[in-house]
PDB file of N, CA and C in Angstrom:
ATOM      1  N   MET A   1       0.831  -1.186   0.032  1.00  0.00           N
ATOM      2  CA  MET A   1       0.034  -0.012   0.004  1.00  0.00           C
ATOM      3  C   MET A   1       0.892   1.226   0.027  1.00  0.00           C
ATOM      4  N   SER A   2       0.636   2.137  -0.919  1.00  0.00           N
ATOM      5  CA  SER A   2       1.430   3.331  -1.025  1.00  0.00           C
ATOM      6  C   SER A   2       0.743   4.445  -0.244  1.00  0.00           C
ATOM      7  N   ALA A   3       1.464   5.511   0.102  1.00  0.00           N
ATOM      8  CA  ALA A   3       0.893   6.610   0.815  1.00  0.00           C
ATOM      9  C   ALA A   3       1.064   7.888   0.130  1.00  0.00           C
ATOM     10  N   VAL A   4       0.120   8.780   0.152  1.00  0.00           N
ATOM     11  CA  VAL A   4       0.148  10.120  -0.465  1.00  0.00           C
ATOM     12  C   VAL A   4      -0.309  11.172   0.523  1.00  0.00           C
ATOM     13  N   THR A   5       0.121  12.391   0.425  1.00  0.00           N
ATOM     14  CA  THR A   5      -0.415  13.427   1.256  1.00  0.00           C
ATOM     15  C   THR A   5      -1.737  13.894   0.670  1.00  0.00           C
ATOM     16  N   ILE A   6      -2.435  14.710   1.483  1.00  0.00           N
ATOM     17  CA  ILE A   6      -3.654  15.271   0.930  1.00  0.00           C
ATOM     18  C   ILE A   6      -3.469  16.062  -0.244  1.00  0.00           C
ATOM     19  N   ALA A   7      -2.438  16.849  -0.265  1.00  0.00           N
ATOM     20  CA  ALA A   7      -2.190  17.743  -1.431  1.00  0.00           C
ATOM     21  C   ALA A   7      -1.885  16.946  -2.635  1.00  0.00           C
ATOM     22  N   GLU A   8      -1.177  15.920  -2.476  1.00  0.00           N
ATOM     23  CA  GLU A   8      -0.877  14.969  -3.710  1.00  0.00           C
ATOM     24  C   GLU A   8      -2.165  14.279  -4.150  1.00  0.00           C
ATOM     25  N   ALA A   9      -3.037  13.936  -3.148  1.00  0.00           N
ATOM     26  CA  ALA A   9      -4.304  13.258  -3.491  1.00  0.00           C
ATOM     27  C   ALA A   9      -5.246  14.259  -4.250  1.00  0.00           C
ATOM     28  N   LYS A  10      -5.260  15.479  -3.827  1.00  0.00           N
ATOM     29  CA  LYS A  10      -6.057  16.471  -4.478  1.00  0.00           C
ATOM     30  C   LYS A  10      -5.534  16.651  -6.005  1.00  0.00           C
ATOM     31  N   ALA A  11      -4.249  16.754  -6.098  1.00  0.00           N
ATOM     32  CA  ALA A  11      -3.643  17.022  -7.376  1.00  0.00           C
ATOM     33  C   ALA A  11      -3.740  15.827  -8.371  1.00  0.00           C
ATOM     34  N   HIS A  12      -3.807  14.656  -7.842  1.00  0.00           N
ATOM     35  CA  HIS A  12      -3.725  13.465  -8.665  1.00  0.00           C
ATOM     36  C   HIS A  12      -4.885  12.454  -8.364  1.00  0.00           C
ATOM     37  N   LEU A  13      -6.055  12.965  -8.072  1.00  0.00           N
ATOM     38  CA  LEU A  13      -7.198  12.117  -7.691  1.00  0.00           C
ATOM     39  C   LEU A  13      -7.512  11.134  -8.833  1.00  0.00           C
ATOM     40  N   SER A  14      -7.608  11.609 -10.066  1.00  0.00           N
ATOM     41  CA  SER A  14      -8.001  10.717 -11.157  1.00  0.00           C
ATOM     42  C   SER A  14      -6.974   9.474 -11.256  1.00  0.00           C
ATOM     43  N   GLU A  15      -5.742   9.802 -11.140  1.00  0.00           N
ATOM     44  CA  GLU A  15      -4.690   8.787 -11.110  1.00  0.00           C
ATOM     45  C   GLU A  15      -4.857   7.789  -9.990  1.00  0.00           C
ATOM     46  N   LEU A  16      -5.138   8.336  -8.801  1.00  0.00           N
ATOM     47  CA  LEU A  16      -5.265   7.441  -7.608  1.00  0.00           C
ATOM     48  C   LEU A  16      -6.492   6.537  -7.790  1.00  0.00           C
ATOM     49  N   VAL A  17      -7.552   7.074  -8.381  1.00  0.00           N
ATOM     50  CA  VAL A  17      -8.751   6.255  -8.563  1.00  0.00           C
ATOM     51  C   VAL A  17      -8.492   5.176  -9.604  1.00  0.00           C
ATOM     52  N   GLU A  18      -7.725   5.516 -10.687  1.00  0.00           N
ATOM     53  CA  GLU A  18      -7.344   4.461 -11.637  1.00  0.00           C
ATOM     54  C   GLU A  18      -6.453   3.367 -10.982  1.00  0.00           C
ATOM     55  N   ARG A  19      -5.570   3.787 -10.118  1.00  0.00           N
ATOM     56  CA  ARG A  19      -4.737   2.781  -9.410  1.00  0.00           C
ATOM     57  C   ARG A  19      -5.597   1.893  -8.529  1.00  0.00           C
ATOM     58  N   ALA A  20      -6.554   2.487  -7.904  1.00  0.00           N
ATOM     59  CA  ALA A  20      -7.481   1.710  -7.027  1.00  0.00           C
ATOM     60  C   ALA A  20      -8.269   0.743  -7.883  1.00  0.00           C
ATOM     61  N   ALA A  21      -8.740   1.211  -9.019  1.00  0.00           N
ATOM     62  CA  ALA A  21      -9.535   0.366  -9.960  1.00  0.00           C
ATOM     63  C   ALA A  21      -8.607  -0.817 -10.406  1.00  0.00           C
ATOM     64  N   GLY A  22      -7.352  -0.608 -10.495  1.00  0.00           N
ATOM     65  CA  GLY A  22      -6.419  -1.664 -10.854  1.00  0.00           C
ATOM     66  C   GLY A  22      -6.123  -2.633  -9.742  1.00  0.00           C
ATOM     67  N   GLY A  23      -6.638  -2.376  -8.587  1.00  0.00           N
ATOM     68  CA  GLY A  23      -6.419  -3.270  -7.426  1.00  0.00           C
ATOM     69  C   GLY A  23      -5.490  -2.744  -6.416  1.00  0.00           C
ATOM     70  N   GLU A  24      -4.861  -1.564  -6.534  1.00  0.00           N
ATOM     71  CA  GLU A  24      -3.993  -1.068  -5.516  1.00  0.00           C
ATOM     72  C   GLU A  24      -4.688  -0.285  -4.457  1.00  0.00           C
ATOM     73  N   THR A  25      -4.271  -0.325  -3.279  1.00  0.00           N
ATOM     74  CA  THR A  25      -4.823   0.487  -2.172  1.00  0.00           C
ATOM     75  C   THR A  25      -3.860   1.597  -1.828  1.00  0.00           C
ATOM     76  N   VAL A  26      -4.401   2.861  -1.759  1.00  0.00           N
ATOM     77  CA  VAL A  26      -3.608   4.002  -1.538  1.00  0.00           C
ATOM     78  C   VAL A  26      -4.026   4.641  -0.233  1.00  0.00           C
ATOM     79  N   CYS A  27      -3.132   4.949   0.634  1.00  0.00           N
ATOM     80  CA  CYS A  27      -3.347   5.562   1.923  1.00  0.00           C
ATOM     81  C   CYS A  27      -3.132   7.064   1.818  1.00  0.00           C
ATOM     82  N   VAL A  28      -4.094   7.825   2.255  1.00  0.00           N
ATOM     83  CA  VAL A  28      -3.974   9.326   2.247  1.00  0.00           C
ATOM     84  C   VAL A  28      -3.585   9.756   3.658  1.00  0.00           C
ATOM     85  N   THR A  29      -2.532  10.637   3.805  1.00  0.00           N
ATOM     86  CA  THR A  29      -2.001  10.968   5.074  1.00  0.00           C
ATOM     87  C   THR A  29      -2.133  12.463   5.241  1.00  0.00           C
ATOM     88  N   ARG A  30      -2.267  12.903   6.523  1.00  0.00           N
ATOM     89  CA  ARG A  30      -2.153  14.300   6.965  1.00  0.00           C
ATOM     90  C   ARG A  30      -1.138  14.414   8.057  1.00  0.00           C
ATOM     91  N   ARG A  31      -0.155  15.214   7.825  1.00  0.00           N
ATOM     92  CA  ARG A  31       0.999  15.387   8.784  1.00  0.00           C
ATOM     93  C   ARG A  31       1.588  14.021   9.201  1.00  0.00           C
ATOM     94  N   GLY A  32       1.705  13.107   8.237  1.00  0.00           N
ATOM     95  CA  GLY A  32       2.340  11.823   8.474  1.00  0.00           C
ATOM     96  C   GLY A  32       1.458  10.760   9.089  1.00  0.00           C
ATOM     97  N   LYS A  33       0.167  11.100   9.361  1.00  0.00           N
ATOM     98  CA  LYS A  33      -0.750  10.060   9.946  1.00  0.00           C
ATOM     99  C   LYS A  33      -1.810   9.725   8.877  1.00  0.00           C
ATOM    100  N   ALA A  34      -2.135   8.446   8.820  1.00  0.00           N
ATOM    101  CA  ALA A  34      -3.140   7.935   7.853  1.00  0.00           C
ATOM    102  C   ALA A  34      -4.519   8.495   8.321  1.00  0.00           C
ATOM    103  N   ILE A  35      -5.194   9.045   7.288  1.00  0.00           N
ATOM    104  CA  ILE A  35      -6.561   9.554   7.659  1.00  0.00           C
ATOM    105  C   ILE A  35      -7.652   8.984   6.714  1.00  0.00           C
ATOM    106  N   ALA A  36      -7.257   8.394   5.556  1.00  0.00           N
ATOM    107  CA  ALA A  36      -8.157   7.809   4.621  1.00  0.00           C
ATOM    108  C   ALA A  36      -7.564   6.778   3.743  1.00  0.00           C
ATOM    109  N   LYS A  37      -8.360   6.017   3.072  1.00  0.00           N
ATOM    110  CA  LYS A  37      -7.838   4.974   2.200  1.00  0.00           C
ATOM    111  C   LYS A  37      -8.645   4.930   0.968  1.00  0.00           C
ATOM    112  N   ILE A  38      -7.976   4.929  -0.216  1.00  0.00           N
ATOM    113  CA  ILE A  38      -8.641   4.745  -1.463  1.00  0.00           C
ATOM    114  C   ILE A  38      -8.356   3.324  -1.888  1.00  0.00           C
ATOM    115  N   ALA A  39      -9.471   2.503  -1.977  1.00  0.00           N
ATOM    116  CA  ALA A  39      -9.230   1.059  -2.185  1.00  0.00           C
ATOM    117  C   ALA A  39     -10.186   0.551  -3.242  1.00  0.00           C
ATOM    118  N   PRO A  40      -9.875  -0.497  -3.926  1.00  0.00           N
ATOM    119  CA  PRO A  40     -10.816  -1.052  -4.886  1.00  0.00           C
ATOM    120  C   PRO A  40     -11.964  -1.665  -4.200  1.00  0.00           C
ATOM    121  N   LEU A  41     -13.126  -1.691  -4.887  1.00  0.00           N
ATOM    122  CA  LEU A  41     -14.315  -2.347  -4.386  1.00  0.00           C
ATOM    123  C   LEU A  41     -14.048  -3.855  -4.260  1.00  0.00           C
ATOM    124  N   ASP A  42     -14.705  -4.443  -3.267  1.00  0.00           N
ATOM    125  CA  ASP A  42     -14.573  -5.884  -3.032  1.00  0.00           C
ATOM    126  C   ASP A  42     -15.192  -6.699  -4.151  1.00  0.00           C
ATOM    127  N   GLN A  43     -16.299  -6.272  -4.707  1.00  0.00           N
ATOM    128  CA  GLN A  43     -16.952  -6.998  -5.765  1.00  0.00           C
ATOM    129  C   GLN A  43     -17.011  -6.153  -7.064  1.00  0.00           C
ATOM    130  N   PRO A  44     -16.615  -6.765  -8.104  1.00  0.00           N
ATOM    131  CA  PRO A  44     -16.719  -6.020  -9.407  1.00  0.00           C
ATOM    132  C   PRO A  44     -18.186  -5.789  -9.722  1.00  0.00           C
ATOM    133  N   ARG A  45     -18.477  -4.700 -10.438  1.00  0.00           N
ATOM    134  CA  ARG A  45     -19.806  -4.451 -10.774  1.00  0.00           C
ATOM    135  C   ARG A  45     -20.286  -5.467 -11.870  1.00  0.00           C
ATOM    136  N   LYS A  46     -21.619  -5.777 -11.747  1.00  0.00           N
ATOM    137  CA  LYS A  46     -22.211  -6.713 -12.693  1.00  0.00           C
ATOM    138  C   LYS A  46     -22.427  -6.035 -14.016  1.00  0.00           C
ATOM    139  N   ARG A  47     -22.346  -6.799 -15.066  1.00  0.00           N
ATOM    140  CA  ARG A  47     -22.605  -6.255 -16.410  1.00  0.00           C
ATOM    141  C   ARG A  47     -24.142  -6.215 -16.594  1.00  0.00           C
ATOM    142  N   VAL A  48     -24.580  -5.194 -17.294  1.00  0.00           N
ATOM    143  CA  VAL A  48     -26.032  -5.080 -17.594  1.00  0.00           C
ATOM    144  C   VAL A  48     -26.465  -5.967 -18.748  1.00  0.00           C
ATOM    145  N   ASP A  49     -27.415  -6.804 -18.456  1.00  0.00           N
ATOM    146  CA  ASP A  49     -27.931  -7.634 -19.476  1.00  0.00           C
ATOM    147  C   ASP A  49     -28.858  -6.779 -20.381  1.00  0.00           C
ATOM    148  N   VAL A  50     -28.379  -6.304 -21.514  1.00  0.00           N
ATOM    149  CA  VAL A  50     -29.098  -5.381 -22.420  1.00  0.00           C
ATOM    150  C   VAL A  50     -30.429  -5.929 -22.880  1.00  0.00           C
ATOM    151  N   ALA A  51     -30.368  -7.241 -23.283  1.00  0.00           N
ATOM    152  CA  ALA A  51     -31.655  -7.889 -23.764  1.00  0.00           C
ATOM    153  C   ALA A  51     -32.682  -7.954 -22.704  1.00  0.00           C
ATOM    154  N   ALA A  52     -32.363  -8.248 -21.513  1.00  0.00           N
ATOM    155  CA  ALA A  52     -33.310  -8.347 -20.389  1.00  0.00           C
ATOM    156  C   ALA A  52     -33.885  -6.882 -20.110  1.00  0.00           C
ATOM    157  N   LEU A  53     -32.992  -5.908 -20.123  1.00  0.00           N
ATOM    158  CA  LEU A  53     -33.417  -4.479 -19.874  1.00  0.00           C
ATOM    159  C   LEU A  53     -34.332  -4.037 -20.946  1.00  0.00           C
ATOM    160  N   ARG A  54     -34.017  -4.356 -22.206  1.00  0.00           N
ATOM    161  CA  ARG A  54     -34.902  -3.968 -23.325  1.00  0.00           C
ATOM    162  C   ARG A  54     -36.219  -4.627 -23.206  1.00  0.00           C
ATOM    163  N   ALA A  55     -36.262  -5.940 -22.854  1.00  0.00           N
ATOM    164  CA  ALA A  55     -37.518  -6.673 -22.738  1.00  0.00           C
ATOM    165  C   ALA A  55     -38.376  -6.037 -21.620  1.00  0.00           C
ATOM    166  N   LEU A  56     -37.754  -5.652 -20.503  1.00  0.00           N
ATOM    167  CA  LEU A  56     -38.427  -5.031 -19.393  1.00  0.00           C
ATOM    168  C   LEU A  56     -39.021  -3.730 -19.795  1.00  0.00           C
ATOM    169  N   THR A  57     -38.303  -2.859 -20.509  1.00  0.00           N
ATOM    170  CA  THR A  57     -38.863  -1.573 -20.898  1.00  0.00           C
ATOM    171  C   THR A  57     -39.870  -1.624 -21.936  1.00  0.00           C
ATOM    172  N   GLU A  58     -39.857  -2.642 -22.765  1.00  0.00           N
ATOM    173  CA  GLU A  58     -40.891  -2.821 -23.804  1.00  0.00           C
ATOM    174  C   GLU A  58     -42.279  -3.218 -23.188  1.00  0.00           C
ATOM    175  N   ARG A  59     -42.217  -3.914 -22.008  1.00  0.00           N
ATOM    176  CA  ARG A  59     -43.447  -4.372 -21.368  1.00  0.00           C
ATOM    177  C   ARG A  59     -43.995  -3.215 -20.494  1.00  0.00           C
ATOM    178  N   MET A  60     -43.262  -2.138 -20.301  1.00  0.00           N
ATOM    179  CA  MET A  60     -43.799  -1.015 -19.455  1.00  0.00           C
ATOM    180  C   MET A  60     -44.842  -0.205 -20.215  1.00  0.00           C
ATOM    181  N   PRO A  61     -45.930   0.119 -19.535  1.00  0.00           N
ATOM    182  CA  PRO A  61     -46.936   0.989 -20.256  1.00  0.00           C
ATOM    183  C   PRO A  61     -46.444   2.298 -20.523  1.00  0.00           C
ATOM    184  N   LEU A  62     -46.930   2.948 -21.613  1.00  0.00           N
ATOM    185  CA  LEU A  62     -46.529   4.303 -21.971  1.00  0.00           C
ATOM    186  C   LEU A  62     -47.166   5.322 -21.002  1.00  0.00           C
ATOM    187  N   GLN A  63     -46.375   6.317 -20.743  1.00  0.00           N
ATOM    188  CA  GLN A  63     -46.904   7.327 -19.830  1.00  0.00           C
ATOM    189  C   GLN A  63     -47.936   8.182 -20.528  1.00  0.00           C
ATOM    190  N   THR A  64     -49.074   8.423 -19.893  1.00  0.00           N
ATOM    191  CA  THR A  64     -50.227   9.078 -20.523  1.00  0.00           C
ATOM    192  C   THR A  64     -50.172  10.615 -20.413  1.00  0.00           C
ATOM    193  N   GLU A  65     -49.412  11.093 -19.461  1.00  0.00           N
ATOM    194  CA  GLU A  65     -49.319  12.548 -19.276  1.00  0.00           C
ATOM    195  C   GLU A  65     -47.864  13.020 -19.340  1.00  0.00           C
ATOM    196  N   PRO A  66     -47.604  14.261 -19.667  1.00  0.00           N
ATOM    197  CA  PRO A  66     -46.293  14.760 -19.705  1.00  0.00           C
ATOM    198  C   PRO A  66     -45.588  14.645 -18.306  1.00  0.00           C
ATOM    199  N   SER A  67     -44.312  14.381 -18.326  1.00  0.00           N
ATOM    200  CA  SER A  67     -43.625  14.218 -17.051  1.00  0.00           C
ATOM    201  C   SER A  67     -43.725  15.466 -16.126  1.00  0.00           C
ATOM    202  N   SER A  68     -43.723  16.654 -16.690  1.00  0.00           N
ATOM    203  CA  SER A  68     -43.789  17.888 -15.971  1.00  0.00           C
ATOM    204  C   SER A  68     -45.090  17.927 -15.192  1.00  0.00           C
ATOM    205  N   GLU A  69     -46.222  17.559 -15.844  1.00  0.00           N
ATOM    206  CA  GLU A  69     -47.470  17.529 -15.167  1.00  0.00           C
ATOM    207  C   GLU A  69     -47.564  16.424 -14.094  1.00  0.00           C
ATOM    208  N   PHE A  70     -46.963  15.284 -14.421  1.00  0.00           N
ATOM    209  CA  PHE A  70     -46.925  14.207 -13.386  1.00  0.00           C
ATOM    210  C   PHE A  70     -46.164  14.608 -12.123  1.00  0.00           C
ATOM    211  N   VAL A  71     -45.024  15.159 -12.312  1.00  0.00           N
ATOM    212  CA  VAL A  71     -44.203  15.643 -11.143  1.00  0.00           C
ATOM    213  C   VAL A  71     -44.892  16.704 -10.365  1.00  0.00           C
ATOM    214  N   ARG A  72     -45.534  17.688 -11.130  1.00  0.00           N
ATOM    215  CA  ARG A  72     -46.332  18.784 -10.422  1.00  0.00           C
ATOM    216  C   ARG A  72     -47.483  18.167  -9.607  1.00  0.00           C
ATOM    217  N   ARG A  73     -48.211  17.247 -10.172  1.00  0.00           N
ATOM    218  CA  ARG A  73     -49.366  16.656  -9.451  1.00  0.00           C
ATOM    219  C   ARG A  73     -48.887  15.852  -8.285  1.00  0.00           C
ATOM    220  N   MET A  74     -47.781  15.006  -8.427  1.00  0.00           N
ATOM    221  CA  MET A  74     -47.256  14.319  -7.244  1.00  0.00           C
ATOM    222  C   MET A  74     -46.801  15.287  -6.164  1.00  0.00           C
ATOM    223  N   ARG A  75     -46.195  16.357  -6.530  1.00  0.00           N
ATOM    224  CA  ARG A  75     -45.732  17.346  -5.522  1.00  0.00           C
ATOM    225  C   ARG A  75     -46.909  17.943  -4.785  1.00  0.00           C
ATOM    226  N   ASP A  76     -47.926  18.341  -5.571  1.00  0.00           N
ATOM    227  CA  ASP A  76     -49.056  19.075  -4.980  1.00  0.00           C
ATOM    228  C   ASP A  76     -49.877  18.119  -4.159  1.00  0.00           C
ATOM    229  N   GLU A  77     -50.102  16.959  -4.556  1.00  0.00           N
ATOM    230  CA  GLU A  77     -50.915  16.020  -3.778  1.00  0.00           C
ATOM    231  C   GLU A  77     -50.268  15.521  -2.483  1.00  0.00           C
ATOM    232  N   ASP A  78     -49.008  15.578  -2.440  1.00  0.00           N
ATOM    233  CA  ASP A  78     -48.242  15.087  -1.208  1.00  0.00           C
ATOM    234  C   ASP A  78     -47.761  16.260  -0.414  1.00  0.00           C
ATOM    235  N   ARG A  79     -48.514  17.288  -0.324  1.00  0.00           N
ATOM    236  CA  ARG A  79     -48.086  18.469   0.521  1.00  0.00           C
ATOM    237  C   ARG A  79     -48.135  18.020   2.044  1.00  0.00           C
ATOM    238  N   TYR A  80     -47.265  18.585   2.790  1.00  0.00           N
ATOM    239  CA  TYR A  80     -47.197  18.214   4.207  1.00  0.00           C
ATOM    240  C   TYR A  80     -48.113  19.047   4.955  1.00  0.00           C
TER     241      TYR A  80
END
């Protein structure tokens, strides 16, 4: 595990995230003491099954009113 200061982390955040995505853990320090850790996720994200998603959206009924009216109606009906 490598260590970087806060200033270095701010300046090179994209690079640190890429390193974490590659499996490396990076420790962020302040005044020589560890305060945070940038680490890869334990489980990789699942791939989206495009065919299943398309089949699901095709079965959904079409919206009968414009979204602006729907949101306005939901907001007005649920007043506190």
